[in-house]
Amino acid sequence: MGLFFLGIASVYAQFSRPISVGAGAGATLNLTDLGNVESKFAFYGELDYLITPYISVGLHGEKGALSGNGYESEFKNRYFAGNLNGKVRLGQFLDHSNNYSYYTLGANTFSRILSNIYVGAGAGLVKNRIARSLDPKYANGVVSQGGELAEDLGEIHFVIPFNVGVDIPFGRTLYGPQWAINVNYQHTLTTNDNLDGIINRNNDQYGFVSVGLKYALFNRK
């Protein structure tokens, strides 16, 4: 392990520039009461401020659909979501210099990818737009077991997203790379049980697998 980390001492930051904008798209996977998952399309836009080249805080906006079926019933939720989040990259814990430009000019591909693996978390809101078709037997079963059918199919509620992913910078300039490919998995926990219009014992969740492109702005002083 010691030799491994010595070999990657010169790491390559995502961006030495302080601001980045990004956009991308991918597939959603719902974890709801109607558990037969139908993968649906979603897209996003984001704005990040890099406190260091390896720690960022940002805004993330998302629009997409969640869909599921089971028990002769189905739902579709064309949702909007937004969150404030923070991310920490592996490069923060590796040996690197404050002279980011020097390292970006000399780093290799393996180092730049490894140093930009990240985890993150945030807080935000989701706006539901639910359409559902429930079999009467299933609906009665939900109620008889202590659940209920949501009356508000367009509510806004609090969510907690968790992220894991990697930024892959490309292109070299004196101030570091200006572009990066982003691969991300976001798992979102809700604070209630109403992504599908059915309120039962456990809160709903959903996943979002995405690929996007980032562009860095300005130069760090």
Foldseek 3Di string as FASTA:
>chain_A
DVVVLVVLQLAAFLFQFFKKKKKWKFWKWKDAPQHAWDIWIKMKIKMWGAPGSFKIKIKIKMWIKTKGHDPNKIKMKGKIKMKIKMKGWQLVVHNYDPQNLVSLVPHDQVRHFRRFWIKMKTKIKMWTDMDMDDDPVVQVVQVVQPKHFAPDRGDMFMKMKIKTWGWRFDDHDSRHGFKTKIWMKIKMWTPFRHNHRIGHDDRMIMMTTIIMMMGHDDHDD
